[in-house]
Amino acid sequence: KLLSALTGMAFTVVAFYTYTGVYGKNSDVMNILIYFAAMA
């Protein structure tokens, strides 16, 4: 469970900074999708 929480947190950080780096801006829709993907 500890590693699971860290997995979700790492996924969030990596996905957020990857898409904002590529896309160039922040998107609420992408942030919501990243959140649910991180939990999954």
PDB file of all heavy atoms in Angstrom:
ATOM      1  N   LYS A   1       0.822  -1.215   0.000  1.00  0.00           N
ATOM      2  CA  LYS A   1       0.000   0.000   0.000  1.00  0.00           C
ATOM      3  C   LYS A   1       0.856   1.265   0.000  1.00  0.00           C
ATOM      4  O   LYS A   1       0.516   2.249  -0.648  1.00  0.00           O
ATOM      5  CB  LYS A   1      -0.980  -0.003   1.174  1.00  0.00           C
ATOM      6  CG  LYS A   1      -2.069  -1.033   0.999  1.00  0.00           C
ATOM      7  CD  LYS A   1      -2.814  -0.806  -0.311  1.00  0.00           C
ATOM      8  CE  LYS A   1      -3.850  -1.854  -0.585  1.00  0.00           C
ATOM      9  NZ  LYS A   1      -4.661  -1.562  -1.755  1.00  0.00           N
ATOM     10  N   LEU A   2       1.985   1.237   0.717  1.00  0.00           N
ATOM     11  CA  LEU A   2       2.893   2.381   0.676  1.00  0.00           C
ATOM     12  C   LEU A   2       3.433   2.568  -0.736  1.00  0.00           C
ATOM     13  O   LEU A   2       3.404   3.673  -1.286  1.00  0.00           O
ATOM     14  CB  LEU A   2       4.051   2.185   1.656  1.00  0.00           C
ATOM     15  CG  LEU A   2       5.143   3.256   1.608  1.00  0.00           C
ATOM     16  CD1 LEU A   2       4.584   4.626   1.964  1.00  0.00           C
ATOM     17  CD2 LEU A   2       6.287   2.873   2.530  1.00  0.00           C
ATOM     18  N   LEU A   3       3.906   1.488  -1.341  1.00  0.00           N
ATOM     19  CA  LEU A   3       4.439   1.585  -2.702  1.00  0.00           C
ATOM     20  C   LEU A   3       3.349   1.902  -3.716  1.00  0.00           C
ATOM     21  O   LEU A   3       3.600   2.561  -4.725  1.00  0.00           O
ATOM     22  CB  LEU A   3       5.189   0.311  -3.068  1.00  0.00           C
ATOM     23  CG  LEU A   3       6.471   0.086  -2.266  1.00  0.00           C
ATOM     24  CD1 LEU A   3       7.092  -1.255  -2.605  1.00  0.00           C
ATOM     25  CD2 LEU A   3       7.464   1.214  -2.480  1.00  0.00           C
ATOM     26  N   SER A   4       2.138   1.484  -3.447  1.00  0.00           N
ATOM     27  CA  SER A   4       1.014   1.817  -4.308  1.00  0.00           C
ATOM     28  C   SER A   4       0.748   3.328  -4.283  1.00  0.00           C
ATOM     29  O   SER A   4       0.559   3.953  -5.332  1.00  0.00           O
ATOM     30  CB  SER A   4      -0.228   1.049  -3.835  1.00  0.00           C
ATOM     31  OG  SER A   4      -1.359   1.417  -4.562  1.00  0.00           O
ATOM     32  N   ALA A   5       0.749   3.915  -3.096  1.00  0.00           N
ATOM     33  CA  ALA A   5       0.559   5.363  -2.982  1.00  0.00           C
ATOM     34  C   ALA A   5       1.696   6.106  -3.692  1.00  0.00           C
ATOM     35  O   ALA A   5       1.450   7.078  -4.418  1.00  0.00           O
ATOM     36  CB  ALA A   5       0.484   5.772  -1.514  1.00  0.00           C
ATOM     37  N   LEU A   6       2.914   5.635  -3.508  1.00  0.00           N
ATOM     38  CA  LEU A   6       4.048   6.267  -4.183  1.00  0.00           C
ATOM     39  C   LEU A   6       3.961   6.113  -5.695  1.00  0.00           C
ATOM     40  O   LEU A   6       4.342   7.023  -6.442  1.00  0.00           O
ATOM     41  CB  LEU A   6       5.365   5.676  -3.659  1.00  0.00           C
ATOM     42  CG  LEU A   6       5.710   6.038  -2.212  1.00  0.00           C
ATOM     43  CD1 LEU A   6       6.894   5.207  -1.722  1.00  0.00           C
ATOM     44  CD2 LEU A   6       5.988   7.524  -2.077  1.00  0.00           C
ATOM     45  N   THR A   7       3.442   4.981  -6.159  1.00  0.00           N
ATOM     46  CA  THR A   7       3.245   4.775  -7.592  1.00  0.00           C
ATOM     47  C   THR A   7       2.268   5.804  -8.155  1.00  0.00           C
ATOM     48  O   THR A   7       2.531   6.424  -9.190  1.00  0.00           O
ATOM     49  CB  THR A   7       2.728   3.339  -7.866  1.00  0.00           C
ATOM     50  OG1 THR A   7       3.719   2.409  -7.443  1.00  0.00           O
ATOM     51  CG2 THR A   7       2.394   3.130  -9.331  1.00  0.00           C
ATOM     52  N   GLY A   8       1.148   5.975  -7.478  1.00  0.00           N
ATOM     53  CA  GLY A   8       0.154   6.963  -7.925  1.00  0.00           C
ATOM     54  C   GLY A   8       0.716   8.375  -7.910  1.00  0.00           C
ATOM     55  O   GLY A   8       0.471   9.170  -8.827  1.00  0.00           O
ATOM     56  N   MET A   9       1.486   8.689  -6.882  1.00  0.00           N
ATOM     57  CA  MET A   9       2.071  10.030  -6.787  1.00  0.00           C
ATOM     58  C   MET A   9       3.114  10.245  -7.886  1.00  0.00           C
ATOM     59  O   MET A   9       3.136  11.304  -8.531  1.00  0.00           O
ATOM     60  CB  MET A   9       2.675  10.225  -5.399  1.00  0.00           C
ATOM     61  CG  MET A   9       1.628  10.274  -4.298  1.00  0.00           C
ATOM     62  SD  MET A   9       2.306  10.102  -2.636  1.00  0.00           S
ATOM     63  CE  MET A   9       3.385  11.508  -2.530  1.00  0.00           C
ATOM     64  N   ALA A  10       3.963   9.254  -8.118  1.00  0.00           N
ATOM     65  CA  ALA A  10       4.985   9.373  -9.164  1.00  0.00           C
ATOM     66  C   ALA A  10       4.336   9.490 -10.543  1.00  0.00           C
ATOM     67  O   ALA A  10       4.759  10.304 -11.372  1.00  0.00           O
ATOM     68  CB  ALA A  10       5.931   8.175  -9.118  1.00  0.00           C
ATOM     69  N   PHE A  11       3.292   8.689 -10.772  1.00  0.00           N
ATOM     70  CA  PHE A  11       2.572   8.763 -12.047  1.00  0.00           C
ATOM     71  C   PHE A  11       2.041  10.178 -12.258  1.00  0.00           C
ATOM     72  O   PHE A  11       2.150  10.739 -13.357  1.00  0.00           O
ATOM     73  CB  PHE A  11       1.421   7.752 -12.056  1.00  0.00           C
ATOM     74  CG  PHE A  11       0.668   7.710 -13.355  1.00  0.00           C
ATOM     75  CD1 PHE A  11       0.956   6.742 -14.296  1.00  0.00           C
ATOM     76  CD2 PHE A  11      -0.331   8.638 -13.635  1.00  0.00           C
ATOM     77  CE1 PHE A  11       0.271   6.701 -15.500  1.00  0.00           C
ATOM     78  CE2 PHE A  11      -1.024   8.611 -14.831  1.00  0.00           C
ATOM     79  CZ  PHE A  11      -0.723   7.637 -15.769  1.00  0.00           C
ATOM     80  N   THR A  12       1.461  10.757 -11.224  1.00  0.00           N
ATOM     81  CA  THR A  12       0.903  12.110 -11.312  1.00  0.00           C
ATOM     82  C   THR A  12       1.970  13.115 -11.717  1.00  0.00           C
ATOM     83  O   THR A  12       1.766  13.909 -12.642  1.00  0.00           O
ATOM     84  CB  THR A  12       0.282  12.514  -9.957  1.00  0.00           C
ATOM     85  OG1 THR A  12      -0.757  11.591  -9.632  1.00  0.00           O
ATOM     86  CG2 THR A  12      -0.270  13.929 -10.001  1.00  0.00           C
ATOM     87  N   VAL A  13       3.103  13.093 -11.037  1.00  0.00           N
ATOM     88  CA  VAL A  13       4.173  14.059 -11.305  1.00  0.00           C
ATOM     89  C   VAL A  13       4.728  13.875 -12.715  1.00  0.00           C
ATOM     90  O   VAL A  13       4.851  14.845 -13.473  1.00  0.00           O
ATOM     91  CB  VAL A  13       5.291  13.947 -10.245  1.00  0.00           C
ATOM     92  CG1 VAL A  13       6.506  14.789 -10.626  1.00  0.00           C
ATOM     93  CG2 VAL A  13       4.768  14.350  -8.871  1.00  0.00           C
ATOM     94  N   VAL A  14       5.051  12.649 -13.066  1.00  0.00           N
ATOM     95  CA  VAL A  14       5.650  12.391 -14.382  1.00  0.00           C
ATOM     96  C   VAL A  14       4.663  12.748 -15.502  1.00  0.00           C
ATOM     97  O   VAL A  14       5.033  13.429 -16.470  1.00  0.00           O
ATOM     98  CB  VAL A  14       6.118  10.923 -14.491  1.00  0.00           C
ATOM     99  CG1 VAL A  14       6.502  10.571 -15.919  1.00  0.00           C
ATOM    100  CG2 VAL A  14       7.279  10.672 -13.542  1.00  0.00           C
ATOM    101  N   ALA A  15       3.424  12.319 -15.386  1.00  0.00           N
ATOM    102  CA  ALA A  15       2.440  12.607 -16.436  1.00  0.00           C
ATOM    103  C   ALA A  15       2.168  14.103 -16.552  1.00  0.00           C
ATOM    104  O   ALA A  15       2.105  14.647 -17.662  1.00  0.00           O
ATOM    105  CB  ALA A  15       1.144  11.846 -16.166  1.00  0.00           C
ATOM    106  N   PHE A  16       2.041  14.789 -15.420  1.00  0.00           N
ATOM    107  CA  PHE A  16       1.751  16.228 -15.454  1.00  0.00           C
ATOM    108  C   PHE A  16       2.881  16.993 -16.133  1.00  0.00           C
ATOM    109  O   PHE A  16       2.647  17.786 -17.048  1.00  0.00           O
ATOM    110  CB  PHE A  16       1.519  16.781 -14.045  1.00  0.00           C
ATOM    111  CG  PHE A  16       1.336  18.270 -14.021  1.00  0.00           C
ATOM    112  CD1 PHE A  16       0.133  18.833 -14.434  1.00  0.00           C
ATOM    113  CD2 PHE A  16       2.360  19.111 -13.630  1.00  0.00           C
ATOM    114  CE1 PHE A  16      -0.039  20.207 -14.436  1.00  0.00           C
ATOM    115  CE2 PHE A  16       2.196  20.489 -13.628  1.00  0.00           C
ATOM    116  CZ  PHE A  16       0.987  21.039 -14.035  1.00  0.00           C
ATOM    117  N   TYR A  17       4.115  16.754 -15.682  1.00  0.00           N
ATOM    118  CA  TYR A  17       5.227  17.517 -16.260  1.00  0.00           C
ATOM    119  C   TYR A  17       5.544  17.090 -17.691  1.00  0.00           C
ATOM    120  O   TYR A  17       6.040  17.894 -18.476  1.00  0.00           O
ATOM    121  CB  TYR A  17       6.456  17.460 -15.350  1.00  0.00           C
ATOM    122  CG  TYR A  17       6.259  18.334 -14.129  1.00  0.00           C
ATOM    123  CD1 TYR A  17       6.092  17.779 -12.871  1.00  0.00           C
ATOM    124  CD2 TYR A  17       6.184  19.713 -14.253  1.00  0.00           C
ATOM    125  CE1 TYR A  17       5.880  18.583 -11.754  1.00  0.00           C
ATOM    126  CE2 TYR A  17       5.970  20.528 -13.160  1.00  0.00           C
ATOM    127  CZ  TYR A  17       5.809  19.954 -11.911  1.00  0.00           C
ATOM    128  OH  TYR A  17       5.589  20.760 -10.816  1.00  0.00           O
ATOM    129  N   THR A  18       5.229  15.871 -18.059  1.00  0.00           N
ATOM    130  CA  THR A  18       5.428  15.439 -19.443  1.00  0.00           C
ATOM    131  C   THR A  18       4.438  16.143 -20.367  1.00  0.00           C
ATOM    132  O   THR A  18       4.832  16.736 -21.369  1.00  0.00           O
ATOM    133  CB  THR A  18       5.285  13.908 -19.568  1.00  0.00           C
ATOM    134  OG1 THR A  18       6.283  13.286 -18.763  1.00  0.00           O
ATOM    135  CG2 THR A  18       5.435  13.462 -21.018  1.00  0.00           C
ATOM    136  N   TYR A  19       3.162  16.083 -20.022  1.00  0.00           N
ATOM    137  CA  TYR A  19       2.189  16.698 -20.936  1.00  0.00           C
ATOM    138  C   TYR A  19       2.301  18.220 -20.966  1.00  0.00           C
ATOM    139  O   TYR A  19       2.157  18.832 -22.023  1.00  0.00           O
ATOM    140  CB  TYR A  19       0.757  16.218 -20.646  1.00  0.00           C
ATOM    141  CG  TYR A  19      -0.110  17.157 -19.857  1.00  0.00           C
ATOM    142  CD1 TYR A  19      -0.728  18.260 -20.458  1.00  0.00           C
ATOM    143  CD2 TYR A  19      -0.343  16.954 -18.507  1.00  0.00           C
ATOM    144  CE1 TYR A  19      -1.515  19.124 -19.728  1.00  0.00           C
ATOM    145  CE2 TYR A  19      -1.133  17.802 -17.779  1.00  0.00           C
ATOM    146  CZ  TYR A  19      -1.720  18.892 -18.388  1.00  0.00           C
ATOM    147  OH  TYR A  19      -2.503  19.747 -17.663  1.00  0.00           O
ATOM    148  N   THR A  20       2.573  18.858 -19.828  1.00  0.00           N
ATOM    149  CA  THR A  20       2.706  20.319 -19.859  1.00  0.00           C
ATOM    150  C   THR A  20       3.982  20.726 -20.593  1.00  0.00           C
ATOM    151  O   THR A  20       4.010  21.776 -21.236  1.00  0.00           O
ATOM    152  CB  THR A  20       2.679  20.945 -18.447  1.00  0.00           C
ATOM    153  OG1 THR A  20       3.684  20.350 -17.630  1.00  0.00           O
ATOM    154  CG2 THR A  20       1.313  20.794 -17.805  1.00  0.00           C
ATOM    155  N   GLY A  21       5.019  19.890 -20.527  1.00  0.00           N
ATOM    156  CA  GLY A  21       6.242  20.173 -21.278  1.00  0.00           C
ATOM    157  C   GLY A  21       6.040  20.034 -22.767  1.00  0.00           C
ATOM    158  O   GLY A  21       6.542  20.829 -23.556  1.00  0.00           O
ATOM    159  N   VAL A  22       5.270  19.029 -23.174  1.00  0.00           N
ATOM    160  CA  VAL A  22       5.021  18.794 -24.600  1.00  0.00           C
ATOM    161  C   VAL A  22       3.960  19.760 -25.127  1.00  0.00           C
ATOM    162  O   VAL A  22       4.130  20.386 -26.168  1.00  0.00           O
ATOM    163  CB  VAL A  22       4.585  17.324 -24.843  1.00  0.00           C
ATOM    164  CG1 VAL A  22       4.088  17.118 -26.262  1.00  0.00           C
ATOM    165  CG2 VAL A  22       5.732  16.379 -24.524  1.00  0.00           C
ATOM    166  N   TYR A  23       2.869  19.877 -24.404  1.00  0.00           N
ATOM    167  CA  TYR A  23       1.726  20.680 -24.826  1.00  0.00           C
ATOM    168  C   TYR A  23       1.969  22.174 -24.622  1.00  0.00           C
ATOM    169  O   TYR A  23       1.429  23.005 -25.341  1.00  0.00           O
ATOM    170  CB  TYR A  23       0.488  20.207 -24.059  1.00  0.00           C
ATOM    171  CG  TYR A  23      -0.821  20.806 -24.474  1.00  0.00           C
ATOM    172  CD1 TYR A  23      -1.286  20.728 -25.780  1.00  0.00           C
ATOM    173  CD2 TYR A  23      -1.626  21.440 -23.524  1.00  0.00           C
ATOM    174  CE1 TYR A  23      -2.506  21.265 -26.141  1.00  0.00           C
ATOM    175  CE2 TYR A  23      -2.855  21.981 -23.878  1.00  0.00           C
ATOM    176  CZ  TYR A  23      -3.279  21.898 -25.185  1.00  0.00           C
ATOM    177  OH  TYR A  23      -4.483  22.433 -25.542  1.00  0.00           O
ATOM    178  N   GLY A  24       2.754  22.502 -23.611  1.00  0.00           N
ATOM    179  CA  GLY A  24       3.093  23.894 -23.366  1.00  0.00           C
ATOM    180  C   GLY A  24       2.138  24.642 -22.455  1.00  0.00           C
ATOM    181  O   GLY A  24       2.365  25.803 -22.156  1.00  0.00           O
ATOM    182  N   LYS A  25       1.067  24.013 -22.054  1.00  0.00           N
ATOM    183  CA  LYS A  25       0.152  24.675 -21.114  1.00  0.00           C
ATOM    184  C   LYS A  25      -0.573  23.638 -20.279  1.00  0.00           C
ATOM    185  O   LYS A  25      -0.537  22.442 -20.553  1.00  0.00           O
ATOM    186  CB  LYS A  25      -0.823  25.595 -21.830  1.00  0.00           C
ATOM    187  CG  LYS A  25      -1.611  25.015 -22.954  1.00  0.00           C
ATOM    188  CD  LYS A  25      -2.475  26.097 -23.602  1.00  0.00           C
ATOM    189  CE  LYS A  25      -2.824  25.687 -25.014  1.00  0.00           C
ATOM    190  NZ  LYS A  25      -3.712  26.622 -25.655  1.00  0.00           N
ATOM    191  N   ASN A  26      -1.251  24.143 -19.260  1.00  0.00           N
ATOM    192  CA  ASN A  26      -1.959  23.336 -18.288  1.00  0.00           C
ATOM    193  C   ASN A  26      -3.417  23.170 -18.722  1.00  0.00           C
ATOM    194  O   ASN A  26      -4.035  24.131 -19.155  1.00  0.00           O
ATOM    195  CB  ASN A  26      -1.866  24.048 -16.935  1.00  0.00           C
ATOM    196  CG  ASN A  26      -2.310  23.202 -15.784  1.00  0.00           C
ATOM    197  OD1 ASN A  26      -2.750  22.084 -15.939  1.00  0.00           O
ATOM    198  ND2 ASN A  26      -2.192  23.755 -14.595  1.00  0.00           N
ATOM    199  N   SER A  27      -3.952  21.972 -18.606  1.00  0.00           N
ATOM    200  CA  SER A  27      -5.336  21.707 -19.003  1.00  0.00           C
ATOM    201  C   SER A  27      -6.061  21.004 -17.864  1.00  0.00           C
ATOM    202  O   SER A  27      -5.606  19.958 -17.384  1.00  0.00           O
ATOM    203  CB  SER A  27      -5.344  20.809 -20.251  1.00  0.00           C
ATOM    204  OG  SER A  27      -6.588  20.176 -20.410  1.00  0.00           O
ATOM    205  N   ASP A  28      -7.187  21.561 -17.442  1.00  0.00           N
ATOM    206  CA  ASP A  28      -7.969  20.928 -16.371  1.00  0.00           C
ATOM    207  C   ASP A  28      -8.431  19.537 -16.776  1.00  0.00           C
ATOM    208  O   ASP A  28      -8.424  18.622 -15.958  1.00  0.00           O
ATOM    209  CB  ASP A  28      -9.179  21.792 -15.999  1.00  0.00           C
ATOM    210  CG  ASP A  28      -8.781  23.046 -15.234  1.00  0.00           C
ATOM    211  OD1 ASP A  28      -7.671  23.082 -14.674  1.00  0.00           O
ATOM    212  OD2 ASP A  28      -9.600  23.991 -15.186  1.00  0.00           O
ATOM    213  N   VAL A  29      -8.823  19.364 -18.024  1.00  0.00           N
ATOM    214  CA  VAL A  29      -9.271  18.048 -18.491  1.00  0.00           C
ATOM    215  C   VAL A  29      -8.137  17.036 -18.373  1.00  0.00           C
ATOM    216  O   VAL A  29      -8.332  15.920 -17.874  1.00  0.00           O
ATOM    217  CB  VAL A  29      -9.804  18.124 -19.942  1.00  0.00           C
ATOM    218  CG1 VAL A  29     -10.065  16.737 -20.513  1.00  0.00           C
ATOM    219  CG2 VAL A  29     -11.058  18.983 -20.013  1.00  0.00           C
ATOM    220  N   MET A  30      -6.941  17.415 -18.804  1.00  0.00           N
ATOM    221  CA  MET A  30      -5.788  16.507 -18.697  1.00  0.00           C
ATOM    222  C   MET A  30      -5.457  16.209 -17.237  1.00  0.00           C
ATOM    223  O   MET A  30      -5.138  15.071 -16.892  1.00  0.00           O
ATOM    224  CB  MET A  30      -4.562  17.096 -19.407  1.00  0.00           C
ATOM    225  CG  MET A  30      -4.608  16.975 -20.906  1.00  0.00           C
ATOM    226  SD  MET A  30      -4.664  15.265 -21.471  1.00  0.00           S
ATOM    227  CE  MET A  30      -3.079  14.659 -20.937  1.00  0.00           C
ATOM    228  N   ASN A  31      -5.541  17.215 -16.390  1.00  0.00           N
ATOM    229  CA  ASN A  31      -5.249  17.006 -14.970  1.00  0.00           C
ATOM    230  C   ASN A  31      -6.218  16.010 -14.342  1.00  0.00           C
ATOM    231  O   ASN A  31      -5.816  15.158 -13.553  1.00  0.00           O
ATOM    232  CB  ASN A  31      -5.292  18.325 -14.203  1.00  0.00           C
ATOM    233  CG  ASN A  31      -4.183  19.265 -14.620  1.00  0.00           C
ATOM    234  OD1 ASN A  31      -3.190  18.850 -15.211  1.00  0.00           O
ATOM    235  ND2 ASN A  31      -4.353  20.532 -14.328  1.00  0.00           N
ATOM    236  N   ILE A  32      -7.473  16.103 -14.699  1.00  0.00           N
ATOM    237  CA  ILE A  32      -8.485  15.168 -14.185  1.00  0.00           C
ATOM    238  C   ILE A  32      -8.215  13.759 -14.708  1.00  0.00           C
ATOM    239  O   ILE A  32      -8.264  12.785 -13.949  1.00  0.00           O
ATOM    240  CB  ILE A  32      -9.906  15.658 -14.547  1.00  0.00           C
ATOM    241  CG1 ILE A  32     -10.219  16.937 -13.758  1.00  0.00           C
ATOM    242  CG2 ILE A  32     -10.946  14.570 -14.278  1.00  0.00           C
ATOM    243  CD1 ILE A  32     -11.439  17.698 -14.258  1.00  0.00           C
ATOM    244  N   LEU A  33      -7.904  13.651 -15.998  1.00  0.00           N
ATOM    245  CA  LEU A  33      -7.583  12.338 -16.568  1.00  0.00           C
ATOM    246  C   LEU A  33      -6.341  11.735 -15.907  1.00  0.00           C
ATOM    247  O   LEU A  33      -6.305  10.535 -15.610  1.00  0.00           O
ATOM    248  CB  LEU A  33      -7.386  12.448 -18.081  1.00  0.00           C
ATOM    249  CG  LEU A  33      -8.643  12.751 -18.902  1.00  0.00           C
ATOM    250  CD1 LEU A  33      -8.280  13.003 -20.362  1.00  0.00           C
ATOM    251  CD2 LEU A  33      -9.650  11.627 -18.776  1.00  0.00           C
ATOM    252  N   ILE A  34      -5.340  12.555 -15.667  1.00  0.00           N
ATOM    253  CA  ILE A  34      -4.118  12.084 -15.000  1.00  0.00           C
ATOM    254  C   ILE A  34      -4.452  11.597 -13.596  1.00  0.00           C
ATOM    255  O   ILE A  34      -3.943  10.559 -13.154  1.00  0.00           O
ATOM    256  CB  ILE A  34      -3.039  13.185 -14.970  1.00  0.00           C
ATOM    257  CG1 ILE A  34      -2.451  13.358 -16.368  1.00  0.00           C
ATOM    258  CG2 ILE A  34      -1.950  12.880 -13.946  1.00  0.00           C
ATOM    259  CD1 ILE A  34      -1.541  14.554 -16.515  1.00  0.00           C
ATOM    260  N   TYR A  35      -5.300  12.318 -12.895  1.00  0.00           N
ATOM    261  CA  TYR A  35      -5.666  11.914 -11.533  1.00  0.00           C
ATOM    262  C   TYR A  35      -6.276  10.510 -11.532  1.00  0.00           C
ATOM    263  O   TYR A  35      -5.862   9.643 -10.768  1.00  0.00           O
ATOM    264  CB  TYR A  35      -6.636  12.925 -10.902  1.00  0.00           C
ATOM    265  CG  TYR A  35      -7.207  12.407  -9.611  1.00  0.00           C
ATOM    266  CD1 TYR A  35      -6.402  12.323  -8.479  1.00  0.00           C
ATOM    267  CD2 TYR A  35      -8.505  11.940  -9.528  1.00  0.00           C
ATOM    268  CE1 TYR A  35      -6.895  11.804  -7.295  1.00  0.00           C
ATOM    269  CE2 TYR A  35      -9.006  11.422  -8.351  1.00  0.00           C
ATOM    270  CZ  TYR A  35      -8.198  11.360  -7.238  1.00  0.00           C
ATOM    271  OH  TYR A  35      -8.678  10.833  -6.074  1.00  0.00           O
ATOM    272  N   PHE A  36      -7.265  10.303 -12.391  1.00  0.00           N
ATOM    273  CA  PHE A  36      -7.921   8.996 -12.413  1.00  0.00           C
ATOM    274  C   PHE A  36      -6.986   7.898 -12.919  1.00  0.00           C
ATOM    275  O   PHE A  36      -7.019   6.766 -12.422  1.00  0.00           O
ATOM    276  CB  PHE A  36      -9.226   9.049 -13.203  1.00  0.00           C
ATOM    277  CG  PHE A  36     -10.308   9.787 -12.468  1.00  0.00           C
ATOM    278  CD1 PHE A  36     -10.722  11.039 -12.874  1.00  0.00           C
ATOM    279  CD2 PHE A  36     -10.898   9.235 -11.335  1.00  0.00           C
ATOM    280  CE1 PHE A  36     -11.707  11.726 -12.184  1.00  0.00           C
ATOM    281  CE2 PHE A  36     -11.877   9.905 -10.631  1.00  0.00           C
ATOM    282  CZ  PHE A  36     -12.289  11.163 -11.053  1.00  0.00           C
ATOM    283  N   ALA A  37      -6.110   8.228 -13.861  1.00  0.00           N
ATOM    284  CA  ALA A  37      -5.124   7.251 -14.339  1.00  0.00           C
ATOM    285  C   ALA A  37      -4.123   6.920 -13.234  1.00  0.00           C
ATOM    286  O   ALA A  37      -3.708   5.760 -13.086  1.00  0.00           O
ATOM    287  CB  ALA A  37      -4.401   7.784 -15.573  1.00  0.00           C
ATOM    288  N   ALA A  38      -3.745   7.902 -12.440  1.00  0.00           N
ATOM    289  CA  ALA A  38      -2.819   7.664 -11.328  1.00  0.00           C
ATOM    290  C   ALA A  38      -3.445   6.748 -10.282  1.00  0.00           C
ATOM    291  O   ALA A  38      -2.779   5.843  -9.760  1.00  0.00           O
ATOM    292  CB  ALA A  38      -2.401   8.996 -10.692  1.00  0.00           C
ATOM    293  N   MET A  39      -4.714   6.970  -9.972  1.00  0.00           N
ATOM    294  CA  MET A  39      -5.393   6.107  -9.009  1.00  0.00           C
ATOM    295  C   MET A  39      -5.498   4.686  -9.563  1.00  0.00           C
ATOM    296  O   MET A  39      -5.271   3.713  -8.836  1.00  0.00           O
ATOM    297  CB  MET A  39      -6.775   6.663  -8.658  1.00  0.00           C
ATOM    298  CG  MET A  39      -6.712   7.972  -7.897  1.00  0.00           C
ATOM    299  SD  MET A  39      -5.752   7.893  -6.384  1.00  0.00           S
ATOM    300  CE  MET A  39      -7.040   7.567  -5.214  1.00  0.00           C
ATOM    301  N   ALA A  40      -5.815   4.572 -10.851  1.00  0.00           N
ATOM    302  CA  ALA A  40      -5.897   3.242 -11.471  1.00  0.00           C
ATOM    303  C   ALA A  40      -4.533   2.553 -11.441  1.00  0.00           C
ATOM    304  O   ALA A  40      -4.436   1.358 -11.139  1.00  0.00           O
ATOM    305  CB  ALA A  40      -6.411   3.358 -12.906  1.00  0.00           C
TER     306      ALA A  40
END
